[in-house]
């Protein structure tokens, strides 16, 4: 089962408490909540990342392109940059 499948399956468990989820899904749900909280309170964080699980594909593609550029810029060594 891929991690993407678990996110969708977790919503099917809505009537049950998080503690009743299978261990892997429970761990993923806990990690997701922690990451969401970090994004929520981190100044300058891209708040759109909080809703990636339900974002349309076009938005995912745009965010992927934007964050790819951010990653590329972060990898540039200022000492060797022109």
PDB file of N, CA and C in Angstrom:
ATOM      1  N   UNK A   1       0.846  -1.164   0.000  1.00  0.00           N
ATOM      2  CA  UNK A   1       0.000   0.000   0.000  1.00  0.00           C
ATOM      3  C   UNK A   1       0.893   1.228   0.000  1.00  0.00           C
ATOM      4  N   UNK A   2       0.641   2.183  -0.868  1.00  0.00           N
ATOM      5  CA  UNK A   2       1.452   3.399  -0.909  1.00  0.00           C
ATOM      6  C   UNK A   2       0.973   4.367   0.144  1.00  0.00           C
ATOM      7  N   UNK A   3       1.817   5.364   0.447  1.00  0.00           N
ATOM      8  CA  UNK A   3       1.442   6.344   1.459  1.00  0.00           C
ATOM      9  C   UNK A   3       0.234   7.158   1.026  1.00  0.00           C
ATOM     10  N   UNK A   4       0.075   7.373  -0.286  1.00  0.00           N
ATOM     11  CA  UNK A   4      -1.084   8.121  -0.776  1.00  0.00           C
ATOM     12  C   UNK A   4      -2.374   7.358  -0.509  1.00  0.00           C
ATOM     13  N   UNK A   5      -2.333   6.038  -0.655  1.00  0.00           N
ATOM     14  CA  UNK A   5      -3.523   5.225  -0.406  1.00  0.00           C
ATOM     15  C   UNK A   5      -3.953   5.328   1.049  1.00  0.00           C
ATOM     16  N   UNK A   6      -2.996   5.394   1.973  1.00  0.00           N
ATOM     17  CA  UNK A   6      -3.314   5.440   3.402  1.00  0.00           C
ATOM     18  C   UNK A   6      -4.068   6.703   3.767  1.00  0.00           C
ATOM     19  N   UNK A   7      -3.702   7.823   3.153  1.00  0.00           N
ATOM     20  CA  UNK A   7      -4.380   9.077   3.471  1.00  0.00           C
ATOM     21  C   UNK A   7      -5.865   8.965   3.145  1.00  0.00           C
ATOM     22  N   UNK A   8      -6.169   8.385   1.993  1.00  0.00           N
ATOM     23  CA  UNK A   8      -7.565   8.218   1.614  1.00  0.00           C
ATOM     24  C   UNK A   8      -8.281   7.214   2.486  1.00  0.00           C
ATOM     25  N   UNK A   9      -7.575   6.145   2.847  1.00  0.00           N
ATOM     26  CA  UNK A   9      -8.182   5.123   3.690  1.00  0.00           C
ATOM     27  C   UNK A   9      -8.452   5.647   5.094  1.00  0.00           C
ATOM     28  N   UNK A  10      -7.576   6.535   5.581  1.00  0.00           N
ATOM     29  CA  UNK A  10      -7.756   7.065   6.929  1.00  0.00           C
ATOM     30  C   UNK A  10      -9.087   7.795   7.049  1.00  0.00           C
ATOM     31  N   UNK A  11      -9.505   8.482   5.966  1.00  0.00           N
ATOM     32  CA  UNK A  11     -10.774   9.188   6.032  1.00  0.00           C
ATOM     33  C   UNK A  11     -11.939   8.217   6.153  1.00  0.00           C
ATOM     34  N   UNK A  12     -11.769   6.983   5.676  1.00  0.00           N
ATOM     35  CA  UNK A  12     -12.797   5.969   5.799  1.00  0.00           C
ATOM     36  C   UNK A  12     -12.955   5.460   7.219  1.00  0.00           C
ATOM     37  N   UNK A  13     -11.987   5.759   8.046  1.00  0.00           N
ATOM     38  CA  UNK A  13     -12.006   5.344   9.439  1.00  0.00           C
ATOM     39  C   UNK A  13     -12.558   6.459  10.333  1.00  0.00           C
ATOM     40  N   UNK A  14     -13.180   7.453   9.746  1.00  0.00           N
ATOM     41  CA  UNK A  14     -13.613   8.636  10.492  1.00  0.00           C
ATOM     42  C   UNK A  14     -14.479   8.303  11.696  1.00  0.00           C
ATOM     43  N   UNK A  15     -15.266   7.241  11.597  1.00  0.00           N
ATOM     44  CA  UNK A  15     -16.149   6.909  12.717  1.00  0.00           C
ATOM     45  C   UNK A  15     -15.401   6.266  13.876  1.00  0.00           C
ATOM     46  N   UNK A  16     -14.137   5.903  13.661  1.00  0.00           N
ATOM     47  CA  UNK A  16     -13.346   5.275  14.714  1.00  0.00           C
ATOM     48  C   UNK A  16     -12.318   6.270  15.220  1.00  0.00           C
ATOM     49  N   UNK A  17     -11.864   6.092  16.433  1.00  0.00           N
ATOM     50  CA  UNK A  17     -10.841   6.978  16.977  1.00  0.00           C
ATOM     51  C   UNK A  17      -9.503   6.668  16.329  1.00  0.00           C
ATOM     52  N   UNK A  18      -8.577   7.627  16.387  1.00  0.00           N
ATOM     53  CA  UNK A  18      -7.258   7.434  15.810  1.00  0.00           C
ATOM     54  C   UNK A  18      -6.576   6.230  16.443  1.00  0.00           C
ATOM     55  N   UNK A  19      -6.784   6.014  17.726  1.00  0.00           N
ATOM     56  CA  UNK A  19      -6.134   4.893  18.396  1.00  0.00           C
ATOM     57  C   UNK A  19      -6.634   3.542  17.885  1.00  0.00           C
ATOM     58  N   UNK A  20      -7.788   3.515  17.204  1.00  0.00           N
ATOM     59  CA  UNK A  20      -8.318   2.265  16.672  1.00  0.00           C
ATOM     60  C   UNK A  20      -7.800   1.971  15.265  1.00  0.00           C
ATOM     61  N   UNK A  21      -7.035   2.895  14.682  1.00  0.00           N
ATOM     62  CA  UNK A  21      -6.475   2.680  13.353  1.00  0.00           C
ATOM     63  C   UNK A  21      -5.373   1.627  13.408  1.00  0.00           C
ATOM     64  N   UNK A  22      -5.151   0.935  12.301  1.00  0.00           N
ATOM     65  CA  UNK A  22      -3.999   0.038  12.252  1.00  0.00           C
ATOM     66  C   UNK A  22      -2.727   0.837  12.538  1.00  0.00           C
ATOM     67  N   UNK A  23      -1.702   0.229  13.119  1.00  0.00           N
ATOM     68  CA  UNK A  23      -0.503   0.957  13.557  1.00  0.00           C
ATOM     69  C   UNK A  23       0.138   1.855  12.499  1.00  0.00           C
ATOM     70  N   UNK A  24       0.284   1.379  11.270  1.00  0.00           N
ATOM     71  CA  UNK A  24       0.926   2.197  10.245  1.00  0.00           C
ATOM     72  C   UNK A  24       0.093   3.433   9.922  1.00  0.00           C
ATOM     73  N   UNK A  25      -1.217   3.265   9.811  1.00  0.00           N
ATOM     74  CA  UNK A  25      -2.089   4.403   9.510  1.00  0.00           C
ATOM     75  C   UNK A  25      -2.116   5.375  10.684  1.00  0.00           C
ATOM     76  N   UNK A  26      -2.093   4.847  11.893  1.00  0.00           N
ATOM     77  CA  UNK A  26      -2.082   5.702  13.082  1.00  0.00           C
ATOM     78  C   UNK A  26      -0.808   6.539  13.102  1.00  0.00           C
ATOM     79  N   UNK A  27       0.323   5.906  12.812  1.00  0.00           N
ATOM     80  CA  UNK A  27       1.591   6.628  12.787  1.00  0.00           C
ATOM     81  C   UNK A  27       1.574   7.710  11.710  1.00  0.00           C
ATOM     82  N   UNK A  28       1.063   7.387  10.519  1.00  0.00           N
ATOM     83  CA  UNK A  28       0.986   8.371   9.448  1.00  0.00           C
ATOM     84  C   UNK A  28       0.073   9.528   9.821  1.00  0.00           C
ATOM     85  N   UNK A  29      -1.046   9.248  10.453  1.00  0.00           N
ATOM     86  CA  UNK A  29      -1.968  10.303  10.872  1.00  0.00           C
ATOM     87  C   UNK A  29      -1.305  11.211  11.903  1.00  0.00           C
ATOM     88  N   UNK A  30      -0.559  10.633  12.842  1.00  0.00           N
ATOM     89  CA  UNK A  30       0.125  11.423  13.863  1.00  0.00           C
ATOM     90  C   UNK A  30       1.213  12.293  13.240  1.00  0.00           C
ATOM     91  N   UNK A  31       1.994  11.721  12.337  1.00  0.00           N
ATOM     92  CA  UNK A  31       3.054  12.493  11.675  1.00  0.00           C
ATOM     93  C   UNK A  31       2.438  13.617  10.852  1.00  0.00           C
ATOM     94  N   UNK A  32       1.345  13.332  10.153  1.00  0.00           N
ATOM     95  CA  UNK A  32       0.694  14.368   9.345  1.00  0.00           C
ATOM     96  C   UNK A  32       0.219  15.519  10.217  1.00  0.00           C
ATOM     97  N   UNK A  33      -0.359  15.220  11.362  1.00  0.00           N
ATOM     98  CA  UNK A  33      -0.827  16.284  12.266  1.00  0.00           C
ATOM     99  C   UNK A  33       0.342  17.130  12.759  1.00  0.00           C
ATOM    100  N   UNK A  34       1.469  16.477  13.065  1.00  0.00           N
ATOM    101  CA  UNK A  34       2.653  17.214  13.524  1.00  0.00           C
ATOM    102  C   UNK A  34       3.190  18.122  12.424  1.00  0.00           C
ATOM    103  N   UNK A  35       3.273  17.598  11.207  1.00  0.00           N
ATOM    104  CA  UNK A  35       3.754  18.408  10.091  1.00  0.00           C
ATOM    105  C   UNK A  35       2.814  19.574   9.806  1.00  0.00           C
ATOM    106  N   UNK A  36       1.520  19.317   9.859  1.00  0.00           N
ATOM    107  CA  UNK A  36       0.545  20.388   9.650  1.00  0.00           C
ATOM    108  C   UNK A  36       0.720  21.487  10.695  1.00  0.00           C
ATOM    109  N   UNK A  37       0.955  21.102  11.940  1.00  0.00           N
ATOM    110  CA  UNK A  37       1.135  22.091  13.001  1.00  0.00           C
ATOM    111  C   UNK A  37       2.399  22.914  12.770  1.00  0.00           C
ATOM    112  N   UNK A  38       3.470  22.267  12.345  1.00  0.00           N
ATOM    113  CA  UNK A  38       4.706  22.997  12.051  1.00  0.00           C
ATOM    114  C   UNK A  38       4.473  24.003  10.924  1.00  0.00           C
ATOM    115  N   UNK A  39       3.816  23.563   9.858  1.00  0.00           N
ATOM    116  CA  UNK A  39       3.529  24.479   8.749  1.00  0.00           C
ATOM    117  C   UNK A  39       2.621  25.618   9.178  1.00  0.00           C
ATOM    118  N   UNK A  40       1.688  25.322  10.057  1.00  0.00           N
ATOM    119  CA  UNK A  40       0.732  26.340  10.493  1.00  0.00           C
ATOM    120  C   UNK A  40       1.422  27.460  11.263  1.00  0.00           C
ATOM    121  N   UNK A  41       2.407  27.137  12.086  1.00  0.00           N
ATOM    122  CA  UNK A  41       3.007  28.142  12.959  1.00  0.00           C
ATOM    123  C   UNK A  41       4.329  28.708  12.439  1.00  0.00           C
ATOM    124  N   UNK A  42       4.924  28.091  11.433  1.00  0.00           N
ATOM    125  CA  UNK A  42       6.216  28.530  10.926  1.00  0.00           C
ATOM    126  C   UNK A  42       6.053  29.783  10.074  1.00  0.00           C
ATOM    127  N   UNK A  43       6.681  30.891  10.476  1.00  0.00           N
ATOM    128  CA  UNK A  43       6.579  32.119   9.678  1.00  0.00           C
ATOM    129  C   UNK A  43       7.129  31.882   8.269  1.00  0.00           C
ATOM    130  N   UNK A  44       6.425  32.356   7.287  1.00  0.00           N
ATOM    131  CA  UNK A  44       6.872  32.225   5.911  1.00  0.00           C
ATOM    132  C   UNK A  44       6.559  30.885   5.266  1.00  0.00           C
ATOM    133  N   UNK A  45       5.956  29.970   6.006  1.00  0.00           N
ATOM    134  CA  UNK A  45       5.621  28.663   5.436  1.00  0.00           C
ATOM    135  C   UNK A  45       4.503  28.816   4.410  1.00  0.00           C
ATOM    136  N   UNK A  46       4.551  28.004   3.394  1.00  0.00           N
ATOM    137  CA  UNK A  46       3.524  28.017   2.354  1.00  0.00           C
ATOM    138  C   UNK A  46       2.301  27.275   2.890  1.00  0.00           C
ATOM    139  N   UNK A  47       1.286  28.013   3.285  1.00  0.00           N
ATOM    140  CA  UNK A  47       0.095  27.424   3.902  1.00  0.00           C
ATOM    141  C   UNK A  47      -0.670  26.497   2.963  1.00  0.00           C
ATOM    142  N   UNK A  48      -0.439  26.631   1.652  1.00  0.00           N
ATOM    143  CA  UNK A  48      -1.115  25.742   0.702  1.00  0.00           C
ATOM    144  C   UNK A  48      -0.679  24.296   0.901  1.00  0.00           C
ATOM    145  N   UNK A  49       0.487  24.095   1.515  1.00  0.00           N
ATOM    146  CA  UNK A  49       0.979  22.737   1.729  1.00  0.00           C
ATOM    147  C   UNK A  49       0.124  21.970   2.732  1.00  0.00           C
ATOM    148  N   UNK A  50      -0.637  22.677   3.550  1.00  0.00           N
ATOM    149  CA  UNK A  50      -1.493  22.019   4.530  1.00  0.00           C
ATOM    150  C   UNK A  50      -2.613  21.211   3.878  1.00  0.00           C
ATOM    151  N   UNK A  51      -2.928  21.529   2.643  1.00  0.00           N
ATOM    152  CA  UNK A  51      -4.085  20.905   1.988  1.00  0.00           C
ATOM    153  C   UNK A  51      -3.698  20.112   0.743  1.00  0.00           C
ATOM    154  N   UNK A  52      -2.464  19.661   0.664  1.00  0.00           N
ATOM    155  CA  UNK A  52      -2.018  18.940  -0.531  1.00  0.00           C
ATOM    156  C   UNK A  52      -2.806  17.671  -0.793  1.00  0.00           C
ATOM    157  N   UNK A  53      -3.250  17.015   0.254  1.00  0.00           N
ATOM    158  CA  UNK A  53      -3.958  15.745   0.079  1.00  0.00           C
ATOM    159  C   UNK A  53      -5.227  15.898  -0.753  1.00  0.00           C
ATOM    160  N   UNK A  54      -5.827  17.082  -0.717  1.00  0.00           N
ATOM    161  CA  UNK A  54      -7.082  17.298  -1.435  1.00  0.00           C
ATOM    162  C   UNK A  54      -6.945  18.297  -2.575  1.00  0.00           C
ATOM    163  N   UNK A  55      -5.728  18.738  -2.858  1.00  0.00           N
ATOM    164  CA  UNK A  55      -5.507  19.738  -3.915  1.00  0.00           C
ATOM    165  C   UNK A  55      -5.716  19.116  -5.295  1.00  0.00           C
ATOM    166  N   UNK A  56      -6.217  19.911  -6.233  1.00  0.00           N
ATOM    167  CA  UNK A  56      -6.339  19.420  -7.607  1.00  0.00           C
ATOM    168  C   UNK A  56      -4.945  19.192  -8.207  1.00  0.00           C
ATOM    169  N   UNK A  57      -4.864  18.347  -9.199  1.00  0.00           N
ATOM    170  CA  UNK A  57      -3.580  18.001  -9.812  1.00  0.00           C
ATOM    171  C   UNK A  57      -2.850  19.227 -10.342  1.00  0.00           C
ATOM    172  N   UNK A  58      -3.571  20.186 -10.909  1.00  0.00           N
ATOM    173  CA  UNK A  58      -2.928  21.391 -11.440  1.00  0.00           C
ATOM    174  C   UNK A  58      -2.209  22.160 -10.330  1.00  0.00           C
ATOM    175  N   UNK A  59      -2.816  22.217  -9.157  1.00  0.00           N
ATOM    176  CA  UNK A  59      -2.181  22.898  -8.027  1.00  0.00           C
ATOM    177  C   UNK A  59      -0.951  22.125  -7.551  1.00  0.00           C
ATOM    178  N   UNK A  60      -1.037  20.805  -7.511  1.00  0.00           N
ATOM    179  CA  UNK A  60       0.117  19.987  -7.146  1.00  0.00           C
ATOM    180  C   UNK A  60       1.271  20.215  -8.116  1.00  0.00           C
ATOM    181  N   UNK A  61       0.958  20.265  -9.405  1.00  0.00           N
ATOM    182  CA  UNK A  61       1.993  20.492 -10.411  1.00  0.00           C
ATOM    183  C   UNK A  61       2.645  21.859 -10.233  1.00  0.00           C
ATOM    184  N   UNK A  62       1.833  22.888  -9.985  1.00  0.00           N
ATOM    185  CA  UNK A  62       2.366  24.236  -9.803  1.00  0.00           C
ATOM    186  C   UNK A  62       3.240  24.314  -8.552  1.00  0.00           C
ATOM    187  N   UNK A  63       2.791  23.705  -7.468  1.00  0.00           N
ATOM    188  CA  UNK A  63       3.587  23.701  -6.237  1.00  0.00           C
ATOM    189  C   UNK A  63       4.882  22.918  -6.422  1.00  0.00           C
ATOM    190  N   UNK A  64       4.808  21.812  -7.140  1.00  0.00           N
ATOM    191  CA  UNK A  64       5.999  21.010  -7.385  1.00  0.00           C
ATOM    192  C   UNK A  64       7.027  21.817  -8.176  1.00  0.00           C
ATOM    193  N   UNK A  65       6.566  22.535  -9.180  1.00  0.00           N
ATOM    194  CA  UNK A  65       7.471  23.369  -9.976  1.00  0.00           C
ATOM    195  C   UNK A  65       8.073  24.484  -9.124  1.00  0.00           C
ATOM    196  N   UNK A  66       7.236  25.143  -8.345  1.00  0.00           N
ATOM    197  CA  UNK A  66       7.711  26.241  -7.493  1.00  0.00           C
ATOM    198  C   UNK A  66       8.730  25.737  -6.474  1.00  0.00           C
ATOM    199  N   UNK A  67       8.417  24.642  -5.822  1.00  0.00           N
ATOM    200  CA  UNK A  67       9.314  24.128  -4.787  1.00  0.00           C
ATOM    201  C   UNK A  67      10.568  23.499  -5.399  1.00  0.00           C
ATOM    202  N   UNK A  68      10.479  23.025  -6.631  1.00  0.00           N
ATOM    203  CA  UNK A  68      11.670  22.554  -7.333  1.00  0.00           C
ATOM    204  C   UNK A  68      12.642  23.701  -7.554  1.00  0.00           C
ATOM    205  N   UNK A  69      12.099  24.860  -7.909  1.00  0.00           N
ATOM    206  CA  UNK A  69      12.930  26.048  -8.094  1.00  0.00           C
ATOM    207  C   UNK A  69      13.558  26.466  -6.769  1.00  0.00           C
ATOM    208  N   UNK A  70      12.778  26.430  -5.702  1.00  0.00           N
ATOM    209  CA  UNK A  70      13.298  26.783  -4.376  1.00  0.00           C
ATOM    210  C   UNK A  70      14.419  25.828  -3.980  1.00  0.00           C
ATOM    211  N   UNK A  71      14.218  24.532  -4.214  1.00  0.00           N
ATOM    212  CA  UNK A  71      15.266  23.547  -3.903  1.00  0.00           C
ATOM    213  C   UNK A  71      16.519  23.804  -4.713  1.00  0.00           C
ATOM    214  N   UNK A  72      16.345  24.075  -6.011  1.00  0.00           N
ATOM    215  CA  UNK A  72      17.497  24.335  -6.881  1.00  0.00           C
ATOM    216  C   UNK A  72      18.274  25.560  -6.412  1.00  0.00           C
ATOM    217  N   UNK A  73      17.545  26.614  -6.043  1.00  0.00           N
ATOM    218  CA  UNK A  73      18.201  27.841  -5.565  1.00  0.00           C
ATOM    219  C   UNK A  73      18.941  27.586  -4.251  1.00  0.00           C
ATOM    220  N   UNK A  74      18.395  26.740  -3.406  1.00  0.00           N
ATOM    221  CA  UNK A  74      19.036  26.445  -2.124  1.00  0.00           C
ATOM    222  C   UNK A  74      20.315  25.643  -2.314  1.00  0.00           C
ATOM    223  N   UNK A  75      20.411  24.913  -3.399  1.00  0.00           N
ATOM    224  CA  UNK A  75      21.595  24.088  -3.648  1.00  0.00           C
ATOM    225  C   UNK A  75      22.739  24.869  -4.294  1.00  0.00           C
ATOM    226  N   UNK A  76      22.461  26.088  -4.752  1.00  0.00           N
ATOM    227  CA  UNK A  76      23.498  26.896  -5.374  1.00  0.00           C
ATOM    228  C   UNK A  76      24.466  27.381  -4.295  1.00  0.00           C
ATOM    229  N   UNK A  77      25.733  27.105  -4.510  1.00  0.00           N
ATOM    230  CA  UNK A  77      26.773  27.541  -3.577  1.00  0.00           C
ATOM    231  C   UNK A  77      27.088  29.006  -3.892  1.00  0.00           C
ATOM    232  N   UNK A  78      26.831  29.926  -2.949  1.00  0.00           N
ATOM    233  CA  UNK A  78      27.074  31.344  -3.194  1.00  0.00           C
ATOM    234  C   UNK A  78      28.526  31.639  -3.592  1.00  0.00           C
ATOM    235  N   UNK A  79      29.450  30.830  -3.150  1.00  0.00           N
ATOM    236  CA  UNK A  79      30.864  31.055  -3.460  1.00  0.00           C
ATOM    237  C   UNK A  79      31.169  30.786  -4.933  1.00  0.00           C
ATOM    238  N   UNK A  80      30.388  29.889  -5.546  1.00  0.00           N
ATOM    239  CA  UNK A  80      30.652  29.543  -6.946  1.00  0.00           C
ATOM    240  C   UNK A  80      29.637  30.160  -7.890  1.00  0.00           C
ATOM    241  N   UNK A  81      28.605  30.814  -7.352  1.00  0.00           N
ATOM    242  CA  UNK A  81      27.580  31.431  -8.196  1.00  0.00           C
ATOM    243  C   UNK A  81      28.152  32.647  -8.914  1.00  0.00           C
ATOM    244  N   UNK A  82      27.676  32.878 -10.129  1.00  0.00           N
ATOM    245  CA  UNK A  82      28.145  34.035 -10.914  1.00  0.00           C
ATOM    246  C   UNK A  82      27.501  35.299 -10.442  1.00  0.00           C
TER     247      UNK A  82
END
